[in-house]
Amino acid sequence: MTATGRRLLDGDAAWGTLTVQPDRFGTRYVLTVYPPGSTALDRRRIRIWRGSPIWGALLWIVAEAILTRHLHPLLALATSTTLLAVCILAAQAYAGAPRRQVRVLAATLLPRRYDPVSAGMCEAMQRLARILRTAESSLHASRMTPAQFELTWWQVYDMVASIRAQPAVIRSDLPPQ
């Protein structure tokens, strides 16, 4: 496997990702935290399953384009749709139980409109991602043991669960930056 393919499947960090991207309504923040202790294989399987809307659409279009040359259009449509459903279900089964343990926070900041709840959520997500990035760089620089990194990862993982349980509360009890 190439370095690009490995990076696509493994991602930037073992703990998960913070994605900040423009959205139809503003700027969207999504913090994804994988279960602590999950293996690289578990994370790859989860990423494949979570990426199914992208690769699934591409698979369906390619299958439809190829099959319409050889089959009746309705049969090609049914076949490509069935192929898509089977592949997504296989990816879901392949990801297994760890896919249900992934914790995700998401919020959108609207332009020209201050929303303290969304702003607090975005700030909390950035702070939690910063904690995990710092811990991971400390682990790679041997300033932190794997057990200490795992503990930090667990703490953030639990914080994500508590924030999800009370999304309307702006989190001021998070660790300082």
C-alpha atoms as a PDB file:
ATOM      1  CA  MET A   1       0.000   0.000   0.000  1.00  0.00           C
ATOM      2  CA  THR A   2       1.254   3.466  -0.843  1.00  0.00           C
ATOM      3  CA  ALA A   3       1.874   6.170   1.735  1.00  0.00           C
ATOM      4  CA  THR A   4      -1.129   8.111   0.434  1.00  0.00           C
ATOM      5  CA  GLY A   5      -3.392   5.083   0.720  1.00  0.00           C
ATOM      6  CA  ARG A   6      -2.106   4.338   4.208  1.00  0.00           C
ATOM      7  CA  ARG A   7      -2.684   7.937   5.295  1.00  0.00           C
ATOM      8  CA  LEU A   8      -6.187   7.879   3.806  1.00  0.00           C
ATOM      9  CA  LEU A   9      -7.052   4.722   5.748  1.00  0.00           C
ATOM     10  CA  ASP A  10      -5.145   5.551   8.945  1.00  0.00           C
ATOM     11  CA  GLY A  11      -5.856   9.277   9.170  1.00  0.00           C
ATOM     12  CA  ASP A  12      -3.657  11.860  10.815  1.00  0.00           C
ATOM     13  CA  ALA A  13      -4.043  10.693  14.405  1.00  0.00           C
ATOM     14  CA  ALA A  14      -4.844   7.471  16.227  1.00  0.00           C
ATOM     15  CA  TRP A  15      -7.374   9.207  18.487  1.00  0.00           C
ATOM     16  CA  GLY A  16      -9.570  10.601  15.705  1.00  0.00           C
ATOM     17  CA  THR A  17      -9.942  13.908  13.930  1.00  0.00           C
ATOM     18  CA  LEU A  18     -11.190  17.480  14.138  1.00  0.00           C
ATOM     19  CA  THR A  19     -12.629  18.632  10.835  1.00  0.00           C
ATOM     20  CA  VAL A  20     -13.337  22.314  10.203  1.00  0.00           C
ATOM     21  CA  GLN A  21     -14.929  23.004   6.840  1.00  0.00           C
ATOM     22  CA  PRO A  22     -17.156  25.523   5.127  1.00  0.00           C
ATOM     23  CA  ASP A  23     -20.779  24.497   5.164  1.00  0.00           C
ATOM     24  CA  ARG A  24     -23.919  25.708   3.477  1.00  0.00           C
ATOM     25  CA  PHE A  25     -24.875  27.646   6.593  1.00  0.00           C
ATOM     26  CA  GLY A  26     -21.473  28.675   7.954  1.00  0.00           C
ATOM     27  CA  THR A  27     -18.430  26.846   9.284  1.00  0.00           C
ATOM     28  CA  ARG A  28     -18.924  23.257  10.427  1.00  0.00           C
ATOM     29  CA  TYR A  29     -16.835  21.686  13.170  1.00  0.00           C
ATOM     30  CA  VAL A  30     -16.829  17.907  13.652  1.00  0.00           C
ATOM     31  CA  LEU A  31     -14.773  16.202  16.360  1.00  0.00           C
ATOM     32  CA  THR A  32     -14.513  12.429  15.976  1.00  0.00           C
ATOM     33  CA  VAL A  33     -12.904  10.448  18.799  1.00  0.00           C
ATOM     34  CA  TYR A  34     -12.287   6.734  18.370  1.00  0.00           C
ATOM     35  CA  PRO A  35     -12.552   4.406  21.362  1.00  0.00           C
ATOM     36  CA  PRO A  36      -9.304   4.452  23.357  1.00  0.00           C
ATOM     37  CA  GLY A  37      -7.282   1.305  22.875  1.00  0.00           C
ATOM     38  CA  SER A  38      -8.716   0.638  19.430  1.00  0.00           C
ATOM     39  CA  THR A  39      -6.237  -0.931  17.056  1.00  0.00           C
ATOM     40  CA  ALA A  40      -5.140   0.524  13.740  1.00  0.00           C
ATOM     41  CA  LEU A  41      -7.165  -2.207  12.013  1.00  0.00           C
ATOM     42  CA  ASP A  42     -10.296  -1.242  13.990  1.00  0.00           C
ATOM     43  CA  ARG A  43      -9.848   2.411  13.033  1.00  0.00           C
ATOM     44  CA  ARG A  44      -9.304   1.518   9.362  1.00  0.00           C
ATOM     45  CA  ARG A  45     -12.474  -0.551   9.323  1.00  0.00           C
ATOM     46  CA  ILE A  46     -14.425   2.260  10.977  1.00  0.00           C
ATOM     47  CA  ARG A  47     -13.061   4.829   8.521  1.00  0.00           C
ATOM     48  CA  ILE A  48     -14.034   2.633   5.581  1.00  0.00           C
ATOM     49  CA  TRP A  49     -17.556   2.301   6.942  1.00  0.00           C
ATOM     50  CA  ARG A  50     -17.841   6.020   7.780  1.00  0.00           C
ATOM     51  CA  GLY A  51     -16.601   6.899   4.284  1.00  0.00           C
ATOM     52  CA  SER A  52     -19.308   4.820   2.611  1.00  0.00           C
ATOM     53  CA  PRO A  53     -21.370   7.836   1.472  1.00  0.00           C
ATOM     54  CA  ILE A  54     -18.408   8.983  -0.647  1.00  0.00           C
ATOM     55  CA  TRP A  55     -17.066   5.718  -1.998  1.00  0.00           C
ATOM     56  CA  GLY A  56     -20.607   4.318  -2.202  1.00  0.00           C
ATOM     57  CA  ALA A  57     -21.756   7.092  -4.509  1.00  0.00           C
ATOM     58  CA  LEU A  58     -18.687   6.618  -6.683  1.00  0.00           C
ATOM     59  CA  LEU A  59     -19.199   2.832  -6.753  1.00  0.00           C
ATOM     60  CA  TRP A  60     -22.853   3.229  -7.710  1.00  0.00           C
ATOM     61  CA  ILE A  61     -22.091   5.662 -10.558  1.00  0.00           C
ATOM     62  CA  VAL A  62     -19.296   3.489 -11.960  1.00  0.00           C
ATOM     63  CA  ALA A  63     -21.382   0.302 -11.667  1.00  0.00           C
ATOM     64  CA  GLU A  64     -24.346   2.000 -13.303  1.00  0.00           C
ATOM     65  CA  ALA A  65     -22.206   3.321 -16.172  1.00  0.00           C
ATOM     66  CA  ILE A  66     -20.641  -0.083 -16.826  1.00  0.00           C
ATOM     67  CA  LEU A  67     -23.775  -2.171 -16.374  1.00  0.00           C
ATOM     68  CA  THR A  68     -26.023  -0.028 -18.602  1.00  0.00           C
ATOM     69  CA  ARG A  69     -23.793  -0.996 -21.543  1.00  0.00           C
ATOM     70  CA  HIS A  70     -24.460  -4.687 -20.954  1.00  0.00           C
ATOM     71  CA  LEU A  71     -27.890  -4.910 -19.301  1.00  0.00           C
ATOM     72  CA  HIS A  72     -31.364  -3.466 -19.620  1.00  0.00           C
ATOM     73  CA  PRO A  73     -31.359  -0.036 -17.846  1.00  0.00           C
ATOM     74  CA  LEU A  74     -33.772  -1.140 -15.101  1.00  0.00           C
ATOM     75  CA  LEU A  75     -31.783  -4.308 -14.457  1.00  0.00           C
ATOM     76  CA  ALA A  76     -28.560  -2.263 -14.367  1.00  0.00           C
ATOM     77  CA  LEU A  77     -30.176   0.119 -11.880  1.00  0.00           C
ATOM     78  CA  ALA A  78     -31.317  -2.746  -9.661  1.00  0.00           C
ATOM     79  CA  THR A  79     -27.939  -4.495  -9.884  1.00  0.00           C
ATOM     80  CA  SER A  80     -25.856  -1.401  -9.097  1.00  0.00           C
ATOM     81  CA  THR A  81     -28.168  -0.478  -6.212  1.00  0.00           C
ATOM     82  CA  THR A  82     -27.963  -4.018  -4.813  1.00  0.00           C
ATOM     83  CA  LEU A  83     -24.182  -3.977  -5.195  1.00  0.00           C
ATOM     84  CA  LEU A  84     -24.036  -0.700  -3.289  1.00  0.00           C
ATOM     85  CA  ALA A  85     -26.279  -2.006  -0.495  1.00  0.00           C
ATOM     86  CA  VAL A  86     -24.260  -5.207  -0.147  1.00  0.00           C
ATOM     87  CA  CYS A  87     -20.940  -3.328  -0.046  1.00  0.00           C
ATOM     88  CA  ILE A  88     -22.172  -0.863   2.584  1.00  0.00           C
ATOM     89  CA  LEU A  89     -23.629  -3.668   4.708  1.00  0.00           C
ATOM     90  CA  ALA A  90     -20.360  -5.579   4.369  1.00  0.00           C
ATOM     91  CA  ALA A  91     -18.388  -2.496   5.466  1.00  0.00           C
ATOM     92  CA  GLN A  92     -20.758  -2.070   8.418  1.00  0.00           C
ATOM     93  CA  ALA A  93     -20.332  -5.701   9.451  1.00  0.00           C
ATOM     94  CA  TYR A  94     -16.582  -5.472   8.880  1.00  0.00           C
ATOM     95  CA  ALA A  95     -16.371  -2.427  11.186  1.00  0.00           C
ATOM     96  CA  GLY A  96     -18.123  -4.455  13.885  1.00  0.00           C
ATOM     97  CA  ALA A  97     -18.913  -3.271  17.390  1.00  0.00           C
ATOM     98  CA  PRO A  98     -16.226  -0.537  17.595  1.00  0.00           C
ATOM     99  CA  ARG A  99     -18.179   1.573  15.073  1.00  0.00           C
ATOM    100  CA  ARG A 100     -20.902   2.082  17.685  1.00  0.00           C
ATOM    101  CA  GLN A 101     -18.350   3.340  20.207  1.00  0.00           C
ATOM    102  CA  VAL A 102     -17.056   6.236  18.103  1.00  0.00           C
ATOM    103  CA  ARG A 103     -18.019   9.551  19.691  1.00  0.00           C
ATOM    104  CA  VAL A 104     -18.777  12.547  17.519  1.00  0.00           C
ATOM    105  CA  LEU A 105     -19.497  16.186  18.330  1.00  0.00           C
ATOM    106  CA  ALA A 106     -20.666  18.564  15.630  1.00  0.00           C
ATOM    107  CA  ALA A 107     -21.621  22.228  15.532  1.00  0.00           C
ATOM    108  CA  THR A 108     -22.004  24.934  12.923  1.00  0.00           C
ATOM    109  CA  LEU A 109     -20.995  28.560  13.398  1.00  0.00           C
ATOM    110  CA  LEU A 110     -23.317  30.820  11.462  1.00  0.00           C
ATOM    111  CA  PRO A 111     -21.823  33.908   9.803  1.00  0.00           C
ATOM    112  CA  ARG A 112     -22.947  37.330  11.054  1.00  0.00           C
ATOM    113  CA  ARG A 113     -24.872  35.731  13.907  1.00  0.00           C
ATOM    114  CA  TYR A 114     -23.472  35.005  17.342  1.00  0.00           C
ATOM    115  CA  ASP A 115     -24.722  31.796  18.902  1.00  0.00           C
ATOM    116  CA  PRO A 116     -23.089  31.252  22.303  1.00  0.00           C
ATOM    117  CA  VAL A 117     -24.007  27.551  22.428  1.00  0.00           C
ATOM    118  CA  SER A 118     -22.477  26.757  19.035  1.00  0.00           C
ATOM    119  CA  ALA A 119     -19.470  28.972  19.742  1.00  0.00           C
ATOM    120  CA  GLY A 120     -18.957  27.166  23.056  1.00  0.00           C
ATOM    121  CA  MET A 121     -19.233  23.770  21.356  1.00  0.00           C
ATOM    122  CA  CYS A 122     -16.707  24.758  18.685  1.00  0.00           C
ATOM    123  CA  GLU A 123     -14.315  26.108  21.300  1.00  0.00           C
ATOM    124  CA  ALA A 124     -14.700  22.924  23.359  1.00  0.00           C
ATOM    125  CA  MET A 125     -14.022  20.753  20.303  1.00  0.00           C
ATOM    126  CA  GLN A 126     -10.890  22.740  19.470  1.00  0.00           C
ATOM    127  CA  ARG A 127      -9.683  22.500  23.049  1.00  0.00           C
ATOM    128  CA  LEU A 128     -10.272  18.735  23.240  1.00  0.00           C
ATOM    129  CA  ALA A 129      -8.513  18.173  19.906  1.00  0.00           C
ATOM    130  CA  ARG A 130      -5.598  20.325  21.106  1.00  0.00           C
ATOM    131  CA  ILE A 131      -5.328  18.197  24.274  1.00  0.00           C
ATOM    132  CA  LEU A 132      -5.183  15.009  22.194  1.00  0.00           C
ATOM    133  CA  ARG A 133      -2.727  16.455  19.650  1.00  0.00           C
ATOM    134  CA  THR A 134      -0.432  17.650  22.432  1.00  0.00           C
ATOM    135  CA  ALA A 135      -0.609  14.275  24.156  1.00  0.00           C
ATOM    136  CA  GLU A 136       0.111  12.451  20.913  1.00  0.00           C
ATOM    137  CA  SER A 137       3.123  14.644  20.113  1.00  0.00           C
ATOM    138  CA  SER A 138       4.372  14.135  23.682  1.00  0.00           C
ATOM    139  CA  LEU A 139       3.999  10.383  23.205  1.00  0.00           C
ATOM    140  CA  HIS A 140       5.998  10.469  19.963  1.00  0.00           C
ATOM    141  CA  ALA A 141       8.677  12.637  21.614  1.00  0.00           C
ATOM    142  CA  SER A 142       8.864  10.163  24.549  1.00  0.00           C
ATOM    143  CA  ARG A 143       7.751  12.840  27.027  1.00  0.00           C
ATOM    144  CA  MET A 144       4.680  10.754  27.798  1.00  0.00           C
ATOM    145  CA  THR A 145       4.254   7.018  28.293  1.00  0.00           C
ATOM    146  CA  PRO A 146       1.702   5.056  26.267  1.00  0.00           C
ATOM    147  CA  ALA A 147      -0.302   4.568  29.479  1.00  0.00           C
ATOM    148  CA  GLN A 148      -0.406   8.333  30.110  1.00  0.00           C
ATOM    149  CA  PHE A 149      -1.490   8.941  26.507  1.00  0.00           C
ATOM    150  CA  GLU A 150      -4.211   6.308  26.836  1.00  0.00           C
ATOM    151  CA  LEU A 151      -5.406   7.954  30.066  1.00  0.00           C
ATOM    152  CA  THR A 152      -5.590  11.350  28.362  1.00  0.00           C
ATOM    153  CA  TRP A 153      -7.433   9.774  25.441  1.00  0.00           C
ATOM    154  CA  TRP A 154      -9.949   8.181  27.867  1.00  0.00           C
ATOM    155  CA  GLN A 155     -10.494  11.495  29.647  1.00  0.00           C
ATOM    156  CA  VAL A 156     -11.270  13.302  26.384  1.00  0.00           C
ATOM    157  CA  TYR A 157     -13.424  10.391  25.198  1.00  0.00           C
ATOM    158  CA  ASP A 158     -15.473  10.669  28.405  1.00  0.00           C
ATOM    159  CA  MET A 159     -15.679  14.465  28.082  1.00  0.00           C
ATOM    160  CA  VAL A 160     -17.137  14.087  24.587  1.00  0.00           C
ATOM    161  CA  ALA A 161     -19.835  11.839  26.045  1.00  0.00           C
ATOM    162  CA  SER A 162     -20.654  14.366  28.775  1.00  0.00           C
ATOM    163  CA  ILE A 163     -20.799  17.245  26.281  1.00  0.00           C
ATOM    164  CA  ARG A 164     -23.108  15.200  24.039  1.00  0.00           C
ATOM    165  CA  ALA A 165     -25.379  14.520  27.013  1.00  0.00           C
ATOM    166  CA  GLN A 166     -25.719  18.260  27.741  1.00  0.00           C
ATOM    167  CA  PRO A 167     -25.141  20.087  24.440  1.00  0.00           C
ATOM    168  CA  ALA A 168     -26.900  23.296  25.511  1.00  0.00           C
ATOM    169  CA  VAL A 169     -24.442  23.898  28.343  1.00  0.00           C
ATOM    170  CA  ILE A 170     -21.326  25.838  27.400  1.00  0.00           C
ATOM    171  CA  ARG A 171     -18.486  23.829  28.850  1.00  0.00           C
ATOM    172  CA  SER A 172     -16.372  25.949  31.162  1.00  0.00           C
ATOM    173  CA  ASP A 173     -15.092  22.993  33.195  1.00  0.00           C
ATOM    174  CA  LEU A 174     -12.808  21.679  30.444  1.00  0.00           C
ATOM    175  CA  PRO A 175      -9.097  21.577  31.160  1.00  0.00           C
ATOM    176  CA  PRO A 176      -7.279  24.802  30.274  1.00  0.00           C
ATOM    177  CA  GLN A 177      -5.540  25.085  26.926  1.00  0.00           C
END
